[in-house]
Amino acid sequence: MPRVPLNIRIPSDLLQALKERAAEEGTTVTELLVRGARALLGLPPAKSRPTSIESRVQALEEKIEEIERKDASGSA
């Protein structure tokens, strides 16, 4: 889906925290906000390739948990 620009005003301390987290994860503030908005709205994560090793590991862990939940519900 194409991305469109959005201008918002947020507290400077929140922006700084987002920048720091994005740097830690090797991603962008935009990606953090998109992930957060999707989570808040109960939407599935976007099908994009993680950009950092940490993000890739996190994505794999989430996929494993999803598979384990499916297996647990299937055998219940």
PDB file of N, CA and C in Angstrom:
ATOM      1  N   MET A   1       0.847  -1.171   0.000  1.00  0.00           N
ATOM      2  CA  MET A   1       0.000   0.000   0.000  1.00  0.00           C
ATOM      3  C   MET A   1       0.896   1.238   0.000  1.00  0.00           C
ATOM      4  N   PRO A   2       0.571   2.231  -0.807  1.00  0.00           N
ATOM      5  CA  PRO A   2       1.417   3.432  -0.850  1.00  0.00           C
ATOM      6  C   PRO A   2       1.337   4.206   0.461  1.00  0.00           C
ATOM      7  N   ARG A   3       2.430   4.827   0.786  1.00  0.00           N
ATOM      8  CA  ARG A   3       2.474   5.645   2.002  1.00  0.00           C
ATOM      9  C   ARG A   3       2.195   7.097   1.650  1.00  0.00           C
ATOM     10  N   VAL A   4       1.526   7.778   2.553  1.00  0.00           N
ATOM     11  CA  VAL A   4       1.210   9.194   2.362  1.00  0.00           C
ATOM     12  C   VAL A   4       1.807   9.989   3.515  1.00  0.00           C
ATOM     13  N   PRO A   5       2.181  11.237   3.267  1.00  0.00           N
ATOM     14  CA  PRO A   5       2.756  12.046   4.342  1.00  0.00           C
ATOM     15  C   PRO A   5       1.700  12.426   5.377  1.00  0.00           C
ATOM     16  N   LEU A   6       2.152  12.556   6.623  1.00  0.00           N
ATOM     17  CA  LEU A   6       1.281  12.962   7.725  1.00  0.00           C
ATOM     18  C   LEU A   6       2.095  13.851   8.653  1.00  0.00           C
ATOM     19  N   ASN A   7       1.626  15.034   8.878  1.00  0.00           N
ATOM     20  CA  ASN A   7       2.304  15.944   9.805  1.00  0.00           C
ATOM     21  C   ASN A   7       1.557  15.958  11.125  1.00  0.00           C
ATOM     22  N   ILE A   8       2.281  15.664  12.209  1.00  0.00           N
ATOM     23  CA  ILE A   8       1.675  15.662  13.536  1.00  0.00           C
ATOM     24  C   ILE A   8       2.560  16.435  14.499  1.00  0.00           C
ATOM     25  N   ARG A   9       1.990  16.847  15.600  1.00  0.00           N
ATOM     26  CA  ARG A   9       2.742  17.503  16.667  1.00  0.00           C
ATOM     27  C   ARG A   9       2.724  16.582  17.885  1.00  0.00           C
ATOM     28  N   ILE A  10       3.928  16.268  18.374  1.00  0.00           N
ATOM     29  CA  ILE A  10       4.050  15.432  19.560  1.00  0.00           C
ATOM     30  C   ILE A  10       5.033  16.093  20.515  1.00  0.00           C
ATOM     31  N   PRO A  11       4.967  15.750  21.789  1.00  0.00           N
ATOM     32  CA  PRO A  11       5.925  16.310  22.746  1.00  0.00           C
ATOM     33  C   PRO A  11       7.364  15.967  22.351  1.00  0.00           C
ATOM     34  N   SER A  12       8.256  16.920  22.582  1.00  0.00           N
ATOM     35  CA  SER A  12       9.648  16.727  22.167  1.00  0.00           C
ATOM     36  C   SER A  12      10.300  15.532  22.861  1.00  0.00           C
ATOM     37  N   ASP A  13       9.928  15.263  24.116  1.00  0.00           N
ATOM     38  CA  ASP A  13      10.526  14.112  24.805  1.00  0.00           C
ATOM     39  C   ASP A  13      10.085  12.789  24.171  1.00  0.00           C
ATOM     40  N   LEU A  14       8.851  12.755  23.669  1.00  0.00           N
ATOM     41  CA  LEU A  14       8.368  11.558  22.986  1.00  0.00           C
ATOM     42  C   LEU A  14       9.114  11.356  21.665  1.00  0.00           C
ATOM     43  N   LEU A  15       9.309  12.432  20.928  1.00  0.00           N
ATOM     44  CA  LEU A  15      10.055  12.332  19.678  1.00  0.00           C
ATOM     45  C   LEU A  15      11.476  11.853  19.944  1.00  0.00           C
ATOM     46  N   GLN A  16      12.100  12.380  20.970  1.00  0.00           N
ATOM     47  CA  GLN A  16      13.463  11.961  21.293  1.00  0.00           C
ATOM     48  C   GLN A  16      13.501  10.473  21.641  1.00  0.00           C
ATOM     49  N   ALA A  17      12.537  10.020  22.426  1.00  0.00           N
ATOM     50  CA  ALA A  17      12.473   8.604  22.788  1.00  0.00           C
ATOM     51  C   ALA A  17      12.262   7.740  21.544  1.00  0.00           C
ATOM     52  N   LEU A  18      11.426   8.180  20.621  1.00  0.00           N
ATOM     53  CA  LEU A  18      11.203   7.443  19.381  1.00  0.00           C
ATOM     54  C   LEU A  18      12.478   7.368  18.547  1.00  0.00           C
ATOM     55  N   LYS A  19      13.205   8.474  18.467  1.00  0.00           N
ATOM     56  CA  LYS A  19      14.461   8.488  17.710  1.00  0.00           C
ATOM     57  C   LYS A  19      15.474   7.526  18.325  1.00  0.00           C
ATOM     58  N   GLU A  20      15.552   7.527  19.643  1.00  0.00           N
ATOM     59  CA  GLU A  20      16.489   6.634  20.327  1.00  0.00           C
ATOM     60  C   GLU A  20      16.115   5.173  20.096  1.00  0.00           C
ATOM     61  N   ARG A  21      14.839   4.861  20.221  1.00  0.00           N
ATOM     62  CA  ARG A  21      14.389   3.483  20.013  1.00  0.00           C
ATOM     63  C   ARG A  21      14.628   3.055  18.572  1.00  0.00           C
ATOM     64  N   ALA A  22      14.330   3.939  17.629  1.00  0.00           N
ATOM     65  CA  ALA A  22      14.550   3.622  16.222  1.00  0.00           C
ATOM     66  C   ALA A  22      16.026   3.326  15.966  1.00  0.00           C
ATOM     67  N   ALA A  23      16.900   4.120  16.547  1.00  0.00           N
ATOM     68  CA  ALA A  23      18.339   3.895  16.380  1.00  0.00           C
ATOM     69  C   ALA A  23      18.748   2.555  16.987  1.00  0.00           C
ATOM     70  N   GLU A  24      18.212   2.244  18.161  1.00  0.00           N
ATOM     71  CA  GLU A  24      18.522   0.965  18.821  1.00  0.00           C
ATOM     72  C   GLU A  24      18.093  -0.223  17.962  1.00  0.00           C
ATOM     73  N   GLU A  25      16.936  -0.094  17.318  1.00  0.00           N
ATOM     74  CA  GLU A  25      16.380  -1.189  16.528  1.00  0.00           C
ATOM     75  C   GLU A  25      16.849  -1.173  15.080  1.00  0.00           C
ATOM     76  N   GLY A  26      17.580  -0.127  14.704  1.00  0.00           N
ATOM     77  CA  GLY A  26      18.029  -0.032  13.322  1.00  0.00           C
ATOM     78  C   GLY A  26      16.890   0.195  12.355  1.00  0.00           C
ATOM     79  N   THR A  27      15.903   0.977  12.781  1.00  0.00           N
ATOM     80  CA  THR A  27      14.737   1.240  11.945  1.00  0.00           C
ATOM     81  C   THR A  27      14.473   2.741  11.943  1.00  0.00           C
ATOM     82  N   THR A  28      13.307   3.150  11.526  1.00  0.00           N
ATOM     83  CA  THR A  28      12.967   4.573  11.445  1.00  0.00           C
ATOM     84  C   THR A  28      11.843   4.907  12.428  1.00  0.00           C
ATOM     85  N   VAL A  29      11.729   6.190  12.726  1.00  0.00           N
ATOM     86  CA  VAL A  29      10.624   6.657  13.565  1.00  0.00           C
ATOM     87  C   VAL A  29       9.300   6.341  12.864  1.00  0.00           C
ATOM     88  N   THR A  30       9.265   6.531  11.569  1.00  0.00           N
ATOM     89  CA  THR A  30       8.043   6.226  10.819  1.00  0.00           C
ATOM     90  C   THR A  30       7.628   4.775  11.020  1.00  0.00           C
ATOM     91  N   GLU A  31       8.588   3.860  10.903  1.00  0.00           N
ATOM     92  CA  GLU A  31       8.265   2.438  11.057  1.00  0.00           C
ATOM     93  C   GLU A  31       7.760   2.144  12.473  1.00  0.00           C
ATOM     94  N   LEU A  32       8.374   2.762  13.479  1.00  0.00           N
ATOM     95  CA  LEU A  32       7.900   2.566  14.859  1.00  0.00           C
ATOM     96  C   LEU A  32       6.462   3.052  15.008  1.00  0.00           C
ATOM     97  N   LEU A  33       6.167   4.219  14.446  1.00  0.00           N
ATOM     98  CA  LEU A  33       4.810   4.761  14.563  1.00  0.00           C
ATOM     99  C   LEU A  33       3.800   3.907  13.806  1.00  0.00           C
ATOM    100  N   VAL A  34       4.187   3.408  12.640  1.00  0.00           N
ATOM    101  CA  VAL A  34       3.280   2.545  11.878  1.00  0.00           C
ATOM    102  C   VAL A  34       3.011   1.259  12.657  1.00  0.00           C
ATOM    103  N   ARG A  35       4.073   0.649  13.207  1.00  0.00           N
ATOM    104  CA  ARG A  35       3.888  -0.571  14.002  1.00  0.00           C
ATOM    105  C   ARG A  35       3.001  -0.300  15.214  1.00  0.00           C
ATOM    106  N   GLY A  36       3.240   0.830  15.884  1.00  0.00           N
ATOM    107  CA  GLY A  36       2.438   1.175  17.057  1.00  0.00           C
ATOM    108  C   GLY A  36       0.977   1.405  16.709  1.00  0.00           C
ATOM    109  N   ALA A  37       0.733   2.102  15.612  1.00  0.00           N
ATOM    110  CA  ALA A  37      -0.643   2.363  15.183  1.00  0.00           C
ATOM    111  C   ALA A  37      -1.350   1.063  14.821  1.00  0.00           C
ATOM    112  N   ARG A  38      -0.642   0.165  14.120  1.00  0.00           N
ATOM    113  CA  ARG A  38      -1.240  -1.124  13.763  1.00  0.00           C
ATOM    114  C   ARG A  38      -1.582  -1.926  15.019  1.00  0.00           C
ATOM    115  N   ALA A  39      -0.670  -1.919  15.983  1.00  0.00           N
ATOM    116  CA  ALA A  39      -0.914  -2.658  17.223  1.00  0.00           C
ATOM    117  C   ALA A  39      -2.103  -2.056  17.973  1.00  0.00           C
ATOM    118  N   LEU A  40      -2.163  -0.749  18.059  1.00  0.00           N
ATOM    119  CA  LEU A  40      -3.254  -0.065  18.756  1.00  0.00           C
ATOM    120  C   LEU A  40      -4.613  -0.390  18.129  1.00  0.00           C
ATOM    121  N   LEU A  41      -4.624  -0.474  16.806  1.00  0.00           N
ATOM    122  CA  LEU A  41      -5.870  -0.725  16.082  1.00  0.00           C
ATOM    123  C   LEU A  41      -6.173  -2.208  15.896  1.00  0.00           C
ATOM    124  N   GLY A  42      -5.276  -3.065  16.362  1.00  0.00           N
ATOM    125  CA  GLY A  42      -5.489  -4.501  16.235  1.00  0.00           C
ATOM    126  C   GLY A  42      -5.306  -5.015  14.820  1.00  0.00           C
ATOM    127  N   LEU A  43      -4.519  -4.300  14.022  1.00  0.00           N
ATOM    128  CA  LEU A  43      -4.256  -4.720  12.650  1.00  0.00           C
ATOM    129  C   LEU A  43      -3.016  -5.600  12.609  1.00  0.00           C
ATOM    130  N   PRO A  44      -2.941  -6.495  11.638  1.00  0.00           N
ATOM    131  CA  PRO A  44      -1.753  -7.349  11.546  1.00  0.00           C
ATOM    132  C   PRO A  44      -0.531  -6.525  11.156  1.00  0.00           C
ATOM    133  N   PRO A  45       0.641  -6.981  11.527  1.00  0.00           N
ATOM    134  CA  PRO A  45       1.866  -6.276  11.138  1.00  0.00           C
ATOM    135  C   PRO A  45       2.012  -6.232   9.624  1.00  0.00           C
ATOM    136  N   ALA A  46       2.661  -5.199   9.143  1.00  0.00           N
ATOM    137  CA  ALA A  46       2.922  -5.086   7.707  1.00  0.00           C
ATOM    138  C   ALA A  46       3.865  -6.206   7.289  1.00  0.00           C
ATOM    139  N   LYS A  47       3.746  -6.644   6.071  1.00  0.00           N
ATOM    140  CA  LYS A  47       4.580  -7.723   5.549  1.00  0.00           C
ATOM    141  C   LYS A  47       5.844  -7.146   4.917  1.00  0.00           C
ATOM    142  N   SER A  48       6.662  -6.487   5.748  1.00  0.00           N
ATOM    143  CA  SER A  48       7.912  -5.940   5.238  1.00  0.00           C
ATOM    144  C   SER A  48       9.085  -6.646   5.900  1.00  0.00           C
ATOM    145  N   ARG A  49      10.197  -6.658   5.231  1.00  0.00           N
ATOM    146  CA  ARG A  49      11.391  -7.323   5.744  1.00  0.00           C
ATOM    147  C   ARG A  49      12.002  -6.483   6.859  1.00  0.00           C
ATOM    148  N   PRO A  50      12.260  -7.080   8.018  1.00  0.00           N
ATOM    149  CA  PRO A  50      12.905  -6.338   9.108  1.00  0.00           C
ATOM    150  C   PRO A  50      14.263  -5.797   8.658  1.00  0.00           C
ATOM    151  N   THR A  51      14.631  -4.643   9.204  1.00  0.00           N
ATOM    152  CA  THR A  51      15.837  -3.965   8.740  1.00  0.00           C
ATOM    153  C   THR A  51      17.070  -4.237   9.591  1.00  0.00           C
ATOM    154  N   SER A  52      16.918  -4.733  10.794  1.00  0.00           N
ATOM    155  CA  SER A  52      18.074  -4.973  11.645  1.00  0.00           C
ATOM    156  C   SER A  52      18.047  -6.402  12.162  1.00  0.00           C
ATOM    157  N   ILE A  53      19.187  -6.851  12.649  1.00  0.00           N
ATOM    158  CA  ILE A  53      19.266  -8.201  13.221  1.00  0.00           C
ATOM    159  C   ILE A  53      18.275  -8.328  14.368  1.00  0.00           C
ATOM    160  N   GLU A  54      18.226  -7.316  15.243  1.00  0.00           N
ATOM    161  CA  GLU A  54      17.305  -7.372  16.378  1.00  0.00           C
ATOM    162  C   GLU A  54      15.863  -7.477  15.894  1.00  0.00           C
ATOM    163  N   SER A  55      15.527  -6.705  14.871  1.00  0.00           N
ATOM    164  CA  SER A  55      14.172  -6.753  14.336  1.00  0.00           C
ATOM    165  C   SER A  55      13.869  -8.101  13.705  1.00  0.00           C
ATOM    166  N   ARG A  56      14.865  -8.682  13.045  1.00  0.00           N
ATOM    167  CA  ARG A  56      14.677  -9.992  12.440  1.00  0.00           C
ATOM    168  C   ARG A  56      14.467 -11.056  13.500  1.00  0.00           C
ATOM    169  N   VAL A  57      15.252 -11.000  14.571  1.00  0.00           N
ATOM    170  CA  VAL A  57      15.095 -11.955  15.661  1.00  0.00           C
ATOM    171  C   VAL A  57      13.710 -11.792  16.286  1.00  0.00           C
ATOM    172  N   GLN A  58      13.306 -10.542  16.510  1.00  0.00           N
ATOM    173  CA  GLN A  58      11.989 -10.291  17.080  1.00  0.00           C
ATOM    174  C   GLN A  58      10.895 -10.854  16.165  1.00  0.00           C
ATOM    175  N   ALA A  59      11.029 -10.641  14.859  1.00  0.00           N
ATOM    176  CA  ALA A  59      10.040 -11.156  13.914  1.00  0.00           C
ATOM    177  C   ALA A  59       9.984 -12.680  13.961  1.00  0.00           C
ATOM    178  N   LEU A  60      11.143 -13.319  14.053  1.00  0.00           N
ATOM    179  CA  LEU A  60      11.175 -14.783  14.156  1.00  0.00           C
ATOM    180  C   LEU A  60      10.528 -15.267  15.448  1.00  0.00           C
ATOM    181  N   GLU A  61      10.823 -14.580  16.556  1.00  0.00           N
ATOM    182  CA  GLU A  61      10.218 -14.961  17.832  1.00  0.00           C
ATOM    183  C   GLU A  61       8.701 -14.829  17.779  1.00  0.00           C
ATOM    184  N   GLU A  62       8.215 -13.757  17.155  1.00  0.00           N
ATOM    185  CA  GLU A  62       6.775 -13.568  17.029  1.00  0.00           C
ATOM    186  C   GLU A  62       6.155 -14.668  16.174  1.00  0.00           C
ATOM    187  N   LYS A  63       6.839 -15.055  15.107  1.00  0.00           N
ATOM    188  CA  LYS A  63       6.331 -16.108  14.240  1.00  0.00           C
ATOM    189  C   LYS A  63       6.292 -17.447  14.979  1.00  0.00           C
ATOM    190  N   ILE A  64       7.332 -17.727  15.754  1.00  0.00           N
ATOM    191  CA  ILE A  64       7.366 -18.960  16.551  1.00  0.00           C
ATOM    192  C   ILE A  64       6.215 -18.977  17.544  1.00  0.00           C
ATOM    193  N   GLU A  65       5.980 -17.850  18.228  1.00  0.00           N
ATOM    194  CA  GLU A  65       4.871 -17.772  19.178  1.00  0.00           C
ATOM    195  C   GLU A  65       3.539 -17.998  18.476  1.00  0.00           C
ATOM    196  N   GLU A  66       3.391 -17.440  17.286  1.00  0.00           N
ATOM    197  CA  GLU A  66       2.163 -17.624  16.511  1.00  0.00           C
ATOM    198  C   GLU A  66       1.951 -19.100  16.174  1.00  0.00           C
ATOM    199  N   ILE A  67       3.009 -19.763  15.746  1.00  0.00           N
ATOM    200  CA  ILE A  67       2.927 -21.189  15.412  1.00  0.00           C
ATOM    201  C   ILE A  67       2.604 -22.007  16.657  1.00  0.00           C
ATOM    202  N   GLU A  68       3.245 -21.679  17.782  1.00  0.00           N
ATOM    203  CA  GLU A  68       2.979 -22.393  19.031  1.00  0.00           C
ATOM    204  C   GLU A  68       1.535 -22.207  19.472  1.00  0.00           C
ATOM    205  N   ARG A  69       0.984 -20.995  19.302  1.00  0.00           N
ATOM    206  CA  ARG A  69      -0.418 -20.754  19.668  1.00  0.00           C
ATOM    207  C   ARG A  69      -1.342 -21.581  18.791  1.00  0.00           C
ATOM    208  N   LYS A  70      -1.030 -21.636  17.487  1.00  0.00           N
ATOM    209  CA  LYS A  70      -1.861 -22.433  16.572  1.00  0.00           C
ATOM    210  C   LYS A  70      -1.797 -23.913  16.945  1.00  0.00           C
ATOM    211  N   ASP A  71      -0.594 -24.395  17.258  1.00  0.00           N
ATOM    212  CA  ASP A  71      -0.444 -25.801  17.647  1.00  0.00           C
ATOM    213  C   ASP A  71      -1.199 -26.089  18.936  1.00  0.00           C
ATOM    214  N   ALA A  72      -1.112 -25.180  19.895  1.00  0.00           N
ATOM    215  CA  ALA A  72      -1.782 -25.372  21.192  1.00  0.00           C
ATOM    216  C   ALA A  72      -3.300 -25.371  21.009  1.00  0.00           C
ATOM    217  N   SER A  73      -3.812 -24.484  20.174  1.00  0.00           N
ATOM    218  CA  SER A  73      -5.269 -24.429  19.984  1.00  0.00           C
ATOM    219  C   SER A  73      -5.760 -25.612  19.161  1.00  0.00           C
ATOM    220  N   GLY A  74      -4.896 -26.133  18.303  1.00  0.00           N
ATOM    221  CA  GLY A  74      -5.270 -27.290  17.491  1.00  0.00           C
ATOM    222  C   GLY A  74      -5.308 -28.589  18.272  1.00  0.00           C
ATOM    223  N   SER A  75      -4.516 -28.646  19.338  1.00  0.00           N
ATOM    224  CA  SER A  75      -4.463 -29.884  20.119  1.00  0.00           C
ATOM    225  C   SER A  75      -5.325 -29.812  21.366  1.00  0.00           C
ATOM    226  N   ALA A  76      -6.019 -28.699  21.557  1.00  0.00           N
ATOM    227  CA  ALA A  76      -6.843 -28.541  22.756  1.00  0.00           C
ATOM    228  C   ALA A  76      -8.189 -29.191  22.614  1.00  0.00           C
TER     229      ALA A  76
END
